Amino acid sequence: MQTFRRIRAKAARSRIRVPRVWFWHLGLRPQDVFSASDPRSGSTWLRFILFEILTGKDAGFQAVEKRLPEVNAHRGVSPVLPGGGRLIKTDEKYRKEYGSAIFLVRDLRDVFLSIYAASV
């Protein structure tokens, strides 16, 4: 498993990533809002809360992934925001295509404790 992670990490920093990321960002709309955060900062929790507020339905993992997708799966998703926008999760650095964005920040000490607890 460690070998796969090393290969994946190398590919993420190589030129092979550029066309993939470009393809992911095709079809974005000016009304879309992007949600970004560092790992283990509560982005899943935030998406569950926003899903329930925006749709008025109970949140489940499949429902959240379907209505508030990641940037590589946003095509064909119906709008959930007023004005016809979609809420899209991203792990990418800020891009000019991101007209509106939410960046979730968590105290670094809590992130380290969360990473430690997940690895034990």
PDB file of N, CA and C in Angstrom:
ATOM      1  N   MET A   1       0.821  -1.194   0.000  1.00  0.00           N
ATOM      2  CA  MET A   1       0.000   0.000   0.000  1.00  0.00           C
ATOM      3  C   MET A   1       0.869   1.263   0.000  1.00  0.00           C
ATOM      4  N   GLN A   2       2.003   1.203   0.697  1.00  0.00           N
ATOM      5  CA  GLN A   2       2.889   2.363   0.751  1.00  0.00           C
ATOM      6  C   GLN A   2       3.443   2.698  -0.627  1.00  0.00           C
ATOM      7  N   THR A   3       3.732   1.673  -1.438  1.00  0.00           N
ATOM      8  CA  THR A   3       4.244   1.905  -2.783  1.00  0.00           C
ATOM      9  C   THR A   3       3.209   2.645  -3.622  1.00  0.00           C
ATOM     10  N   PHE A   4       1.943   2.239  -3.519  1.00  0.00           N
ATOM     11  CA  PHE A   4       0.870   2.909  -4.250  1.00  0.00           C
ATOM     12  C   PHE A   4       0.767   4.374  -3.830  1.00  0.00           C
ATOM     13  N   ARG A   5       0.862   4.629  -2.542  1.00  0.00           N
ATOM     14  CA  ARG A   5       0.784   6.017  -2.052  1.00  0.00           C
ATOM     15  C   ARG A   5       1.934   6.864  -2.583  1.00  0.00           C
ATOM     16  N   ARG A   6       3.134   6.285  -2.632  1.00  0.00           N
ATOM     17  CA  ARG A   6       4.280   7.024  -3.163  1.00  0.00           C
ATOM     18  C   ARG A   6       4.098   7.329  -4.643  1.00  0.00           C
ATOM     19  N   ILE A   7       3.631   6.354  -5.399  1.00  0.00           N
ATOM     20  CA  ILE A   7       3.399   6.567  -6.837  1.00  0.00           C
ATOM     21  C   ILE A   7       2.319   7.621  -7.039  1.00  0.00           C
ATOM     22  N   ARG A   8       1.253   7.537  -6.266  1.00  0.00           N
ATOM     23  CA  ARG A   8       0.162   8.519  -6.374  1.00  0.00           C
ATOM     24  C   ARG A   8       0.646   9.918  -6.014  1.00  0.00           C
ATOM     25  N   ALA A   9       1.466  10.032  -4.983  1.00  0.00           N
ATOM     26  CA  ALA A   9       1.998  11.338  -4.587  1.00  0.00           C
ATOM     27  C   ALA A   9       2.903  11.915  -5.668  1.00  0.00           C
ATOM     28  N   LYS A  10       3.717  11.069  -6.289  1.00  0.00           N
ATOM     29  CA  LYS A  10       4.574  11.548  -7.373  1.00  0.00           C
ATOM     30  C   LYS A  10       3.745  12.002  -8.567  1.00  0.00           C
ATOM     31  N   ALA A  11       2.715  11.244  -8.912  1.00  0.00           N
ATOM     32  CA  ALA A  11       1.851  11.605 -10.042  1.00  0.00           C
ATOM     33  C   ALA A  11       1.120  12.917  -9.764  1.00  0.00           C
ATOM     34  N   ALA A  12       0.768  13.160  -8.511  1.00  0.00           N
ATOM     35  CA  ALA A  12       0.059  14.388  -8.153  1.00  0.00           C
ATOM     36  C   ALA A  12       0.929  15.620  -8.349  1.00  0.00           C
ATOM     37  N   ARG A  13       2.253  15.442  -8.303  1.00  0.00           N
ATOM     38  CA  ARG A  13       3.157  16.577  -8.481  1.00  0.00           C
ATOM     39  C   ARG A  13       3.759  16.625  -9.884  1.00  0.00           C
ATOM     40  N   SER A  14       3.369  15.716 -10.752  1.00  0.00           N
ATOM     41  CA  SER A  14       3.964  15.665 -12.084  1.00  0.00           C
ATOM     42  C   SER A  14       3.096  16.393 -13.106  1.00  0.00           C
ATOM     43  N   ARG A  15       3.573  16.423 -14.321  1.00  0.00           N
ATOM     44  CA  ARG A  15       2.844  17.081 -15.414  1.00  0.00           C
ATOM     45  C   ARG A  15       1.584  16.326 -15.814  1.00  0.00           C
ATOM     46  N   ILE A  16       1.485  15.068 -15.457  1.00  0.00           N
ATOM     47  CA  ILE A  16       0.310  14.273 -15.808  1.00  0.00           C
ATOM     48  C   ILE A  16      -0.952  14.815 -15.131  1.00  0.00           C
ATOM     49  N   ARG A  17      -0.795  15.528 -14.050  1.00  0.00           N
ATOM     50  CA  ARG A  17      -1.925  16.065 -13.289  1.00  0.00           C
ATOM     51  C   ARG A  17      -2.577  17.251 -13.987  1.00  0.00           C
ATOM     52  N   VAL A  18      -1.838  18.013 -14.734  1.00  0.00           N
ATOM     53  CA  VAL A  18      -2.339  19.247 -15.342  1.00  0.00           C
ATOM     54  C   VAL A  18      -3.552  19.006 -16.240  1.00  0.00           C
ATOM     55  N   PRO A  19      -3.519  18.063 -17.195  1.00  0.00           N
ATOM     56  CA  PRO A  19      -4.711  17.869 -18.019  1.00  0.00           C
ATOM     57  C   PRO A  19      -5.908  17.333 -17.238  1.00  0.00           C
ATOM     58  N   ARG A  20      -5.643  16.513 -16.218  1.00  0.00           N
ATOM     59  CA  ARG A  20      -6.753  16.005 -15.393  1.00  0.00           C
ATOM     60  C   ARG A  20      -7.452  17.144 -14.679  1.00  0.00           C
ATOM     61  N   VAL A  21      -6.699  18.010 -14.058  1.00  0.00           N
ATOM     62  CA  VAL A  21      -7.290  19.131 -13.321  1.00  0.00           C
ATOM     63  C   VAL A  21      -8.004  20.085 -14.284  1.00  0.00           C
ATOM     64  N   TRP A  22      -7.427  20.318 -15.443  1.00  0.00           N
ATOM     65  CA  TRP A  22      -8.081  21.169 -16.450  1.00  0.00           C
ATOM     66  C   TRP A  22      -9.431  20.583 -16.836  1.00  0.00           C
ATOM     67  N   PHE A  23      -9.487  19.272 -17.045  1.00  0.00           N
ATOM     68  CA  PHE A  23     -10.736  18.613 -17.417  1.00  0.00           C
ATOM     69  C   PHE A  23     -11.767  18.713 -16.305  1.00  0.00           C
ATOM     70  N   TRP A  24     -11.334  18.573 -15.057  1.00  0.00           N
ATOM     71  CA  TRP A  24     -12.256  18.672 -13.929  1.00  0.00           C
ATOM     72  C   TRP A  24     -12.956  20.020 -13.891  1.00  0.00           C
ATOM     73  N   HIS A  25     -12.266  21.069 -14.315  1.00  0.00           N
ATOM     74  CA  HIS A  25     -12.807  22.420 -14.201  1.00  0.00           C
ATOM     75  C   HIS A  25     -13.629  22.860 -15.409  1.00  0.00           C
ATOM     76  N   LEU A  26     -13.829  22.000 -16.382  1.00  0.00           N
ATOM     77  CA  LEU A  26     -14.700  22.338 -17.509  1.00  0.00           C
ATOM     78  C   LEU A  26     -16.152  22.354 -17.040  1.00  0.00           C
ATOM     79  N   GLY A  27     -16.920  23.296 -17.522  1.00  0.00           N
ATOM     80  CA  GLY A  27     -18.340  23.345 -17.203  1.00  0.00           C
ATOM     81  C   GLY A  27     -18.694  24.036 -15.904  1.00  0.00           C
ATOM     82  N   LEU A  28     -17.762  24.752 -15.320  1.00  0.00           N
ATOM     83  CA  LEU A  28     -18.082  25.502 -14.102  1.00  0.00           C
ATOM     84  C   LEU A  28     -18.904  26.733 -14.459  1.00  0.00           C
ATOM     85  N   ARG A  29     -19.748  27.151 -13.548  1.00  0.00           N
ATOM     86  CA  ARG A  29     -20.609  28.310 -13.763  1.00  0.00           C
ATOM     87  C   ARG A  29     -20.187  29.447 -12.838  1.00  0.00           C
ATOM     88  N   PRO A  30     -20.466  30.687 -13.230  1.00  0.00           N
ATOM     89  CA  PRO A  30     -20.115  31.815 -12.350  1.00  0.00           C
ATOM     90  C   PRO A  30     -20.859  31.790 -11.020  1.00  0.00           C
ATOM     91  N   GLN A  31     -22.009  31.137 -10.970  1.00  0.00           N
ATOM     92  CA  GLN A  31     -22.804  31.089  -9.736  1.00  0.00           C
ATOM     93  C   GLN A  31     -22.300  30.032  -8.748  1.00  0.00           C
ATOM     94  N   ASP A  32     -21.424  29.139  -9.186  1.00  0.00           N
ATOM     95  CA  ASP A  32     -20.943  28.062  -8.324  1.00  0.00           C
ATOM     96  C   ASP A  32     -20.109  28.618  -7.172  1.00  0.00           C
ATOM     97  N   VAL A  33     -20.247  27.974  -6.023  1.00  0.00           N
ATOM     98  CA  VAL A  33     -19.475  28.326  -4.834  1.00  0.00           C
ATOM     99  C   VAL A  33     -18.629  27.106  -4.476  1.00  0.00           C
ATOM    100  N   PHE A  34     -17.376  27.339  -4.150  1.00  0.00           N
ATOM    101  CA  PHE A  34     -16.445  26.257  -3.867  1.00  0.00           C
ATOM    102  C   PHE A  34     -16.131  26.205  -2.383  1.00  0.00           C
ATOM    103  N   SER A  35     -16.076  24.999  -1.866  1.00  0.00           N
ATOM    104  CA  SER A  35     -15.733  24.763  -0.470  1.00  0.00           C
ATOM    105  C   SER A  35     -14.370  24.088  -0.440  1.00  0.00           C
ATOM    106  N   ALA A  36     -13.426  24.681   0.270  1.00  0.00           N
ATOM    107  CA  ALA A  36     -12.070  24.145   0.343  1.00  0.00           C
ATOM    108  C   ALA A  36     -11.588  24.133   1.786  1.00  0.00           C
ATOM    109  N   SER A  37     -10.713  23.182   2.076  1.00  0.00           N
ATOM    110  CA  SER A  37     -10.128  23.116   3.415  1.00  0.00           C
ATOM    111  C   SER A  37      -8.885  22.238   3.364  1.00  0.00           C
ATOM    112  N   ASP A  38      -8.110  22.325   4.412  1.00  0.00           N
ATOM    113  CA  ASP A  38      -6.977  21.432   4.578  1.00  0.00           C
ATOM    114  C   ASP A  38      -7.504  20.088   5.072  1.00  0.00           C
ATOM    115  N   PRO A  39      -6.734  19.013   4.911  1.00  0.00           N
ATOM    116  CA  PRO A  39      -7.187  17.698   5.384  1.00  0.00           C
ATOM    117  C   PRO A  39      -7.486  17.698   6.882  1.00  0.00           C
ATOM    118  N   ARG A  40      -8.481  16.915   7.263  1.00  0.00           N
ATOM    119  CA  ARG A  40      -8.893  16.725   8.660  1.00  0.00           C
ATOM    120  C   ARG A  40      -9.375  18.012   9.314  1.00  0.00           C
ATOM    121  N   SER A  41      -9.952  18.922   8.523  1.00  0.00           N
ATOM    122  CA  SER A  41     -10.405  20.201   9.073  1.00  0.00           C
ATOM    123  C   SER A  41     -11.913  20.301   9.217  1.00  0.00           C
ATOM    124  N   GLY A  42     -12.652  19.259   8.894  1.00  0.00           N
ATOM    125  CA  GLY A  42     -14.093  19.277   9.081  1.00  0.00           C
ATOM    126  C   GLY A  42     -14.896  19.601   7.837  1.00  0.00           C
ATOM    127  N   SER A  43     -14.330  19.404   6.658  1.00  0.00           N
ATOM    128  CA  SER A  43     -15.064  19.742   5.432  1.00  0.00           C
ATOM    129  C   SER A  43     -16.267  18.825   5.224  1.00  0.00           C
ATOM    130  N   THR A  44     -16.159  17.558   5.599  1.00  0.00           N
ATOM    131  CA  THR A  44     -17.304  16.649   5.468  1.00  0.00           C
ATOM    132  C   THR A  44     -18.424  17.095   6.391  1.00  0.00           C
ATOM    133  N   TRP A  45     -18.084  17.441   7.594  1.00  0.00           N
ATOM    134  CA  TRP A  45     -19.072  17.926   8.561  1.00  0.00           C
ATOM    135  C   TRP A  45     -19.752  19.188   8.040  1.00  0.00           C
ATOM    136  N   LEU A  46     -18.975  20.121   7.498  1.00  0.00           N
ATOM    137  CA  LEU A  46     -19.527  21.347   6.929  1.00  0.00           C
ATOM    138  C   LEU A  46     -20.465  21.037   5.774  1.00  0.00           C
ATOM    139  N   ARG A  47     -20.093  20.109   4.911  1.00  0.00           N
ATOM    140  CA  ARG A  47     -20.955  19.746   3.782  1.00  0.00           C
ATOM    141  C   ARG A  47     -22.269  19.147   4.261  1.00  0.00           C
ATOM    142  N   PHE A  48     -22.249  18.327   5.320  1.00  0.00           N
ATOM    143  CA  PHE A  48     -23.482  17.766   5.874  1.00  0.00           C
ATOM    144  C   PHE A  48     -24.398  18.877   6.389  1.00  0.00           C
ATOM    145  N   ILE A  49     -23.824  19.823   7.115  1.00  0.00           N
ATOM    146  CA  ILE A  49     -24.619  20.934   7.658  1.00  0.00           C
ATOM    147  C   ILE A  49     -25.220  21.763   6.526  1.00  0.00           C
ATOM    148  N   LEU A  50     -24.416  22.130   5.548  1.00  0.00           N
ATOM    149  CA  LEU A  50     -24.911  22.933   4.429  1.00  0.00           C
ATOM    150  C   LEU A  50     -25.948  22.179   3.608  1.00  0.00           C
ATOM    151  N   PHE A  51     -25.774  20.873   3.445  1.00  0.00           N
ATOM    152  CA  PHE A  51     -26.754  20.070   2.717  1.00  0.00           C
ATOM    153  C   PHE A  51     -28.118  20.155   3.390  1.00  0.00           C
ATOM    154  N   GLU A  52     -28.145  19.966   4.708  1.00  0.00           N
ATOM    155  CA  GLU A  52     -29.417  20.012   5.420  1.00  0.00           C
ATOM    156  C   GLU A  52     -30.047  21.398   5.380  1.00  0.00           C
ATOM    157  N   ILE A  53     -29.234  22.441   5.471  1.00  0.00           N
ATOM    158  CA  ILE A  53     -29.764  23.809   5.413  1.00  0.00           C
ATOM    159  C   ILE A  53     -30.311  24.122   4.030  1.00  0.00           C
ATOM    160  N   LEU A  54     -29.570  23.759   2.983  1.00  0.00           N
ATOM    161  CA  LEU A  54     -29.946  24.128   1.626  1.00  0.00           C
ATOM    162  C   LEU A  54     -31.078  23.287   1.048  1.00  0.00           C
ATOM    163  N   THR A  55     -31.153  22.014   1.413  1.00  0.00           N
ATOM    164  CA  THR A  55     -32.165  21.142   0.817  1.00  0.00           C
ATOM    165  C   THR A  55     -33.330  20.848   1.742  1.00  0.00           C
ATOM    166  N   GLY A  56     -33.132  20.992   3.051  1.00  0.00           N
ATOM    167  CA  GLY A  56     -34.191  20.669   4.002  1.00  0.00           C
ATOM    168  C   GLY A  56     -34.390  19.172   4.183  1.00  0.00           C
ATOM    169  N   LYS A  57     -33.450  18.362   3.732  1.00  0.00           N
ATOM    170  CA  LYS A  57     -33.535  16.903   3.836  1.00  0.00           C
ATOM    171  C   LYS A  57     -32.473  16.396   4.796  1.00  0.00           C
ATOM    172  N   ASP A  58     -32.682  15.164   5.274  1.00  0.00           N
ATOM    173  CA  ASP A  58     -31.674  14.535   6.122  1.00  0.00           C
ATOM    174  C   ASP A  58     -30.450  14.180   5.284  1.00  0.00           C
ATOM    175  N   ALA A  59     -29.297  14.425   5.851  1.00  0.00           N
ATOM    176  CA  ALA A  59     -28.046  14.182   5.129  1.00  0.00           C
ATOM    177  C   ALA A  59     -27.569  12.760   5.354  1.00  0.00           C
ATOM    178  N   GLY A  60     -27.082  12.172   4.300  1.00  0.00           N
ATOM    179  CA  GLY A  60     -26.410  10.872   4.325  1.00  0.00           C
ATOM    180  C   GLY A  60     -25.224  10.982   3.389  1.00  0.00           C
ATOM    181  N   PHE A  61     -24.260  10.117   3.525  1.00  0.00           N
ATOM    182  CA  PHE A  61     -23.049  10.238   2.711  1.00  0.00           C
ATOM    183  C   PHE A  61     -23.357  10.230   1.218  1.00  0.00           C
ATOM    184  N   GLN A  62     -24.229   9.321   0.768  1.00  0.00           N
ATOM    185  CA  GLN A  62     -24.538   9.255  -0.663  1.00  0.00           C
ATOM    186  C   GLN A  62     -25.285  10.495  -1.131  1.00  0.00           C
ATOM    187  N   ALA A  63     -26.221  10.979  -0.324  1.00  0.00           N
ATOM    188  CA  ALA A  63     -26.985  12.165  -0.706  1.00  0.00           C
ATOM    189  C   ALA A  63     -26.086  13.394  -0.788  1.00  0.00           C
ATOM    190  N   VAL A  64     -25.171  13.536   0.148  1.00  0.00           N
ATOM    191  CA  VAL A  64     -24.259  14.685   0.151  1.00  0.00           C
ATOM    192  C   VAL A  64     -23.329  14.611  -1.047  1.00  0.00           C
ATOM    193  N   GLU A  65     -22.758  13.439  -1.321  1.00  0.00           N
ATOM    194  CA  GLU A  65     -21.869  13.298  -2.475  1.00  0.00           C
ATOM    195  C   GLU A  65     -22.593  13.569  -3.786  1.00  0.00           C
ATOM    196  N   LYS A  66     -23.868  13.235  -3.845  1.00  0.00           N
ATOM    197  CA  LYS A  66     -24.637  13.422  -5.072  1.00  0.00           C
ATOM    198  C   LYS A  66     -25.001  14.888  -5.307  1.00  0.00           C
ATOM    199  N   ARG A  67     -25.364  15.621  -4.251  1.00  0.00           N
ATOM    200  CA  ARG A  67     -25.823  17.001  -4.408  1.00  0.00           C
ATOM    201  C   ARG A  67     -24.739  18.049  -4.201  1.00  0.00           C
ATOM    202  N   LEU A  68     -23.718  17.738  -3.395  1.00  0.00           N
ATOM    203  CA  LEU A  68     -22.594  18.647  -3.143  1.00  0.00           C
ATOM    204  C   LEU A  68     -21.306  17.911  -3.508  1.00  0.00           C
ATOM    205  N   PRO A  69     -21.042  17.768  -4.793  1.00  0.00           N
ATOM    206  CA  PRO A  69     -19.953  16.887  -5.244  1.00  0.00           C
ATOM    207  C   PRO A  69     -18.569  17.510  -5.117  1.00  0.00           C
ATOM    208  N   GLU A  70     -17.578  16.682  -5.381  1.00  0.00           N
ATOM    209  CA  GLU A  70     -16.200  17.172  -5.501  1.00  0.00           C
ATOM    210  C   GLU A  70     -16.041  17.759  -6.897  1.00  0.00           C
ATOM    211  N   VAL A  71     -14.984  18.512  -7.113  1.00  0.00           N
ATOM    212  CA  VAL A  71     -14.794  19.232  -8.365  1.00  0.00           C
ATOM    213  C   VAL A  71     -14.685  18.286  -9.558  1.00  0.00           C
ATOM    214  N   ASN A  72     -14.219  17.071  -9.350  1.00  0.00           N
ATOM    215  CA  ASN A  72     -14.083  16.147 -10.469  1.00  0.00           C
ATOM    216  C   ASN A  72     -15.384  15.432 -10.818  1.00  0.00           C
ATOM    217  N   ALA A  73     -16.470  15.702 -10.095  1.00  0.00           N
ATOM    218  CA  ALA A  73     -17.748  15.031 -10.351  1.00  0.00           C
ATOM    219  C   ALA A  73     -18.915  16.012 -10.383  1.00  0.00           C
ATOM    220  N   HIS A  74     -18.687  17.257 -10.774  1.00  0.00           N
ATOM    221  CA  HIS A  74     -19.729  18.277 -10.694  1.00  0.00           C
ATOM    222  C   HIS A  74     -20.683  18.300 -11.879  1.00  0.00           C
ATOM    223  N   ARG A  75     -20.346  17.648 -12.968  1.00  0.00           N
ATOM    224  CA  ARG A  75     -21.200  17.698 -14.158  1.00  0.00           C
ATOM    225  C   ARG A  75     -22.515  16.969 -13.914  1.00  0.00           C
ATOM    226  N   GLY A  76     -23.608  17.586 -14.317  1.00  0.00           N
ATOM    227  CA  GLY A  76     -24.923  16.972 -14.184  1.00  0.00           C
ATOM    228  C   GLY A  76     -25.557  17.128 -12.819  1.00  0.00           C
ATOM    229  N   VAL A  77     -24.936  17.865 -11.927  1.00  0.00           N
ATOM    230  CA  VAL A  77     -25.485  18.069 -10.589  1.00  0.00           C
ATOM    231  C   VAL A  77     -26.424  19.260 -10.626  1.00  0.00           C
ATOM    232  N   SER A  78     -27.592  19.094 -10.030  1.00  0.00           N
ATOM    233  CA  SER A  78     -28.563  20.188 -10.034  1.00  0.00           C
ATOM    234  C   SER A  78     -28.173  21.249  -9.010  1.00  0.00           C
ATOM    235  N   PRO A  79     -28.540  22.504  -9.271  1.00  0.00           N
ATOM    236  CA  PRO A  79     -28.195  23.602  -8.360  1.00  0.00           C
ATOM    237  C   PRO A  79     -28.897  23.470  -7.008  1.00  0.00           C
ATOM    238  N   VAL A  80     -28.228  23.871  -5.955  1.00  0.00           N
ATOM    239  CA  VAL A  80     -28.819  23.868  -4.615  1.00  0.00           C
ATOM    240  C   VAL A  80     -28.791  25.262  -3.992  1.00  0.00           C
ATOM    241  N   LEU A  81     -28.046  26.170  -4.559  1.00  0.00           N
ATOM    242  CA  LEU A  81     -27.922  27.516  -4.004  1.00  0.00           C
ATOM    243  C   LEU A  81     -28.935  28.459  -4.650  1.00  0.00           C
ATOM    244  N   PRO A  82     -29.368  29.468  -3.913  1.00  0.00           N
ATOM    245  CA  PRO A  82     -30.220  30.485  -4.530  1.00  0.00           C
ATOM    246  C   PRO A  82     -29.466  31.138  -5.693  1.00  0.00           C
ATOM    247  N   GLY A  83     -30.143  31.346  -6.793  1.00  0.00           N
ATOM    248  CA  GLY A  83     -29.497  31.928  -7.963  1.00  0.00           C
ATOM    249  C   GLY A  83     -28.969  30.879  -8.922  1.00  0.00           C
ATOM    250  N   GLY A  84     -29.244  29.609  -8.653  1.00  0.00           N
ATOM    251  CA  GLY A  84     -28.849  28.561  -9.577  1.00  0.00           C
ATOM    252  C   GLY A  84     -27.433  28.075  -9.449  1.00  0.00           C
ATOM    253  N   GLY A  85     -26.779  28.302  -8.346  1.00  0.00           N
ATOM    254  CA  GLY A  85     -25.406  27.853  -8.172  1.00  0.00           C
ATOM    255  C   GLY A  85     -25.320  26.494  -7.499  1.00  0.00           C
ATOM    256  N   ARG A  86     -24.159  25.883  -7.637  1.00  0.00           N
ATOM    257  CA  ARG A  86     -23.886  24.607  -6.988  1.00  0.00           C
ATOM    258  C   ARG A  86     -22.795  24.812  -5.945  1.00  0.00           C
ATOM    259  N   LEU A  87     -22.803  23.991  -4.927  1.00  0.00           N
ATOM    260  CA  LEU A  87     -21.735  24.006  -3.926  1.00  0.00           C
ATOM    261  C   LEU A  87     -20.823  22.842  -4.253  1.00  0.00           C
ATOM    262  N   ILE A  88     -19.557  23.137  -4.566  1.00  0.00           N
ATOM    263  CA  ILE A  88     -18.618  22.131  -5.042  1.00  0.00           C
ATOM    264  C   ILE A  88     -17.406  22.096  -4.119  1.00  0.00           C
ATOM    265  N   LYS A  89     -17.048  20.877  -3.665  1.00  0.00           N
ATOM    266  CA  LYS A  89     -15.876  20.711  -2.809  1.00  0.00           C
ATOM    267  C   LYS A  89     -14.635  20.605  -3.677  1.00  0.00           C
ATOM    268  N   THR A  90     -13.571  21.255  -3.257  1.00  0.00           N
ATOM    269  CA  THR A  90     -12.312  21.184  -3.983  1.00  0.00           C
ATOM    270  C   THR A  90     -11.138  21.106  -3.014  1.00  0.00           C
ATOM    271  N   ASP A  91     -10.085  20.462  -3.460  1.00  0.00           N
ATOM    272  CA  ASP A  91      -8.828  20.428  -2.715  1.00  0.00           C
ATOM    273  C   ASP A  91      -7.746  21.174  -3.483  1.00  0.00           C
ATOM    274  N   GLU A  92      -8.138  21.814  -4.564  1.00  0.00           N
ATOM    275  CA  GLU A  92      -7.195  22.538  -5.414  1.00  0.00           C
ATOM    276  C   GLU A  92      -6.879  23.904  -4.818  1.00  0.00           C
ATOM    277  N   LYS A  93      -5.744  24.460  -5.226  1.00  0.00           N
ATOM    278  CA  LYS A  93      -5.427  25.837  -4.851  1.00  0.00           C
ATOM    279  C   LYS A  93      -6.427  26.762  -5.519  1.00  0.00           C
ATOM    280  N   TYR A  94      -6.549  27.968  -5.007  1.00  0.00           N
ATOM    281  CA  TYR A  94      -7.497  28.918  -5.573  1.00  0.00           C
ATOM    282  C   TYR A  94      -7.178  29.153  -7.049  1.00  0.00           C
ATOM    283  N   ARG A  95      -8.219  29.149  -7.860  1.00  0.00           N
ATOM    284  CA  ARG A  95      -8.096  29.371  -9.303  1.00  0.00           C
ATOM    285  C   ARG A  95      -9.006  30.519  -9.689  1.00  0.00           C
ATOM    286  N   LYS A  96      -8.723  31.144 -10.830  1.00  0.00           N
ATOM    287  CA  LYS A  96      -9.535  32.284 -11.257  1.00  0.00           C
ATOM    288  C   LYS A  96     -10.974  31.873 -11.564  1.00  0.00           C
ATOM    289  N   GLU A  97     -11.212  30.587 -11.857  1.00  0.00           N
ATOM    290  CA  GLU A  97     -12.566  30.107 -12.122  1.00  0.00           C
ATOM    291  C   GLU A  97     -13.431  30.105 -10.868  1.00  0.00           C
ATOM    292  N   TYR A  98     -12.801  30.174  -9.692  1.00  0.00           N
ATOM    293  CA  TYR A  98     -13.532  30.147  -8.438  1.00  0.00           C
ATOM    294  C   TYR A  98     -13.984  31.569  -8.102  1.00  0.00           C
ATOM    295  N   GLY A  99     -15.177  31.928  -8.542  1.00  0.00           N
ATOM    296  CA  GLY A  99     -15.687  33.264  -8.268  1.00  0.00           C
ATOM    297  C   GLY A  99     -15.965  33.470  -6.786  1.00  0.00           C
ATOM    298  N   SER A 100     -16.593  32.479  -6.171  1.00  0.00           N
ATOM    299  CA  SER A 100     -16.907  32.531  -4.743  1.00  0.00           C
ATOM    300  C   SER A 100     -16.381  31.264  -4.092  1.00  0.00           C
ATOM    301  N   ALA A 101     -15.811  31.418  -2.912  1.00  0.00           N
ATOM    302  CA  ALA A 101     -15.246  30.254  -2.244  1.00  0.00           C
ATOM    303  C   ALA A 101     -15.392  30.372  -0.733  1.00  0.00           C
ATOM    304  N   ILE A 102     -15.516  29.223  -0.103  1.00  0.00           N
ATOM    305  CA  ILE A 102     -15.516  29.113   1.355  1.00  0.00           C
ATOM    306  C   ILE A 102     -14.259  28.338   1.708  1.00  0.00           C
ATOM    307  N   PHE A 103     -13.415  28.903   2.545  1.00  0.00           N
ATOM    308  CA  PHE A 103     -12.230  28.192   2.983  1.00  0.00           C
ATOM    309  C   PHE A 103     -12.353  27.922   4.464  1.00  0.00           C
ATOM    310  N   LEU A 104     -12.431  26.649   4.814  1.00  0.00           N
ATOM    311  CA  LEU A 104     -12.593  26.230   6.192  1.00  0.00           C
ATOM    312  C   LEU A 104     -11.219  26.075   6.831  1.00  0.00           C
ATOM    313  N   VAL A 105     -11.009  26.737   7.954  1.00  0.00           N
ATOM    314  CA  VAL A 105      -9.723  26.696   8.651  1.00  0.00           C
ATOM    315  C   VAL A 105      -9.945  26.136  10.053  1.00  0.00           C
ATOM    316  N   ARG A 106      -9.097  25.212  10.449  1.00  0.00           N
ATOM    317  CA  ARG A 106      -9.168  24.616  11.779  1.00  0.00           C
ATOM    318  C   ARG A 106      -7.824  24.812  12.471  1.00  0.00           C
ATOM    319  N   ASP A 107      -7.861  24.971  13.772  1.00  0.00           N
ATOM    320  CA  ASP A 107      -6.646  25.135  14.560  1.00  0.00           C
ATOM    321  C   ASP A 107      -5.700  23.968  14.292  1.00  0.00           C
ATOM    322  N   LEU A 108      -4.457  24.285  13.980  1.00  0.00           N
ATOM    323  CA  LEU A 108      -3.473  23.283  13.587  1.00  0.00           C
ATOM    324  C   LEU A 108      -3.259  22.226  14.670  1.00  0.00           C
ATOM    325  N   ARG A 109      -3.362  22.602  15.924  1.00  0.00           N
ATOM    326  CA  ARG A 109      -3.202  21.635  17.009  1.00  0.00           C
ATOM    327  C   ARG A 109      -4.306  20.584  16.963  1.00  0.00           C
ATOM    328  N   ASP A 110      -5.530  21.008  16.664  1.00  0.00           N
ATOM    329  CA  ASP A 110      -6.642  20.065  16.539  1.00  0.00           C
ATOM    330  C   ASP A 110      -6.465  19.138  15.338  1.00  0.00           C
ATOM    331  N   VAL A 111      -5.928  19.692  14.247  1.00  0.00           N
ATOM    332  CA  VAL A 111      -5.684  18.873  13.055  1.00  0.00           C
ATOM    333  C   VAL A 111      -4.681  17.776  13.380  1.00  0.00           C
ATOM    334  N   PHE A 112      -3.598  18.120  14.069  1.00  0.00           N
ATOM    335  CA  PHE A 112      -2.597  17.116  14.434  1.00  0.00           C
ATOM    336  C   PHE A 112      -3.195  16.035  15.326  1.00  0.00           C
ATOM    337  N   LEU A 113      -4.033  16.431  16.295  1.00  0.00           N
ATOM    338  CA  LEU A 113      -4.676  15.440  17.159  1.00  0.00           C
ATOM    339  C   LEU A 113      -5.614  14.545  16.357  1.00  0.00           C
ATOM    340  N   SER A 114      -6.316  15.120  15.406  1.00  0.00           N
ATOM    341  CA  SER A 114      -7.222  14.344  14.559  1.00  0.00           C
ATOM    342  C   SER A 114      -6.467  13.337  13.696  1.00  0.00           C
ATOM    343  N   ILE A 115      -5.350  13.771  13.132  1.00  0.00           N
ATOM    344  CA  ILE A 115      -4.522  12.876  12.321  1.00  0.00           C
ATOM    345  C   ILE A 115      -3.959  11.746  13.188  1.00  0.00           C
ATOM    346  N   TYR A 116      -3.503  12.101  14.392  1.00  0.00           N
ATOM    347  CA  TYR A 116      -2.968  11.096  15.296  1.00  0.00           C
ATOM    348  C   TYR A 116      -4.049  10.090  15.690  1.00  0.00           C
ATOM    349  N   ALA A 117      -5.240  10.565  16.034  1.00  0.00           N
ATOM    350  CA  ALA A 117      -6.334   9.677  16.445  1.00  0.00           C
ATOM    351  C   ALA A 117      -6.773   8.767  15.306  1.00  0.00           C
ATOM    352  N   ALA A 118      -6.728   9.262  14.076  1.00  0.00           N
ATOM    353  CA  ALA A 118      -7.128   8.444  12.925  1.00  0.00           C
ATOM    354  C   ALA A 118      -6.091   7.374  12.612  1.00  0.00           C
ATOM    355  N   SER A 119      -4.836   7.611  12.975  1.00  0.00           N
ATOM    356  CA  SER A 119      -3.787   6.637  12.666  1.00  0.00           C
ATOM    357  C   SER A 119      -3.635   5.575  13.743  1.00  0.00           C
ATOM    358  N   VAL A 120      -4.193   5.799  14.913  1.00  0.00           N
ATOM    359  CA  VAL A 120      -4.047   4.831  16.026  1.00  0.00           C
ATOM    360  C   VAL A 120      -5.085   3.760  15.953  1.00  0.00           C
TER     361      VAL A 120
END
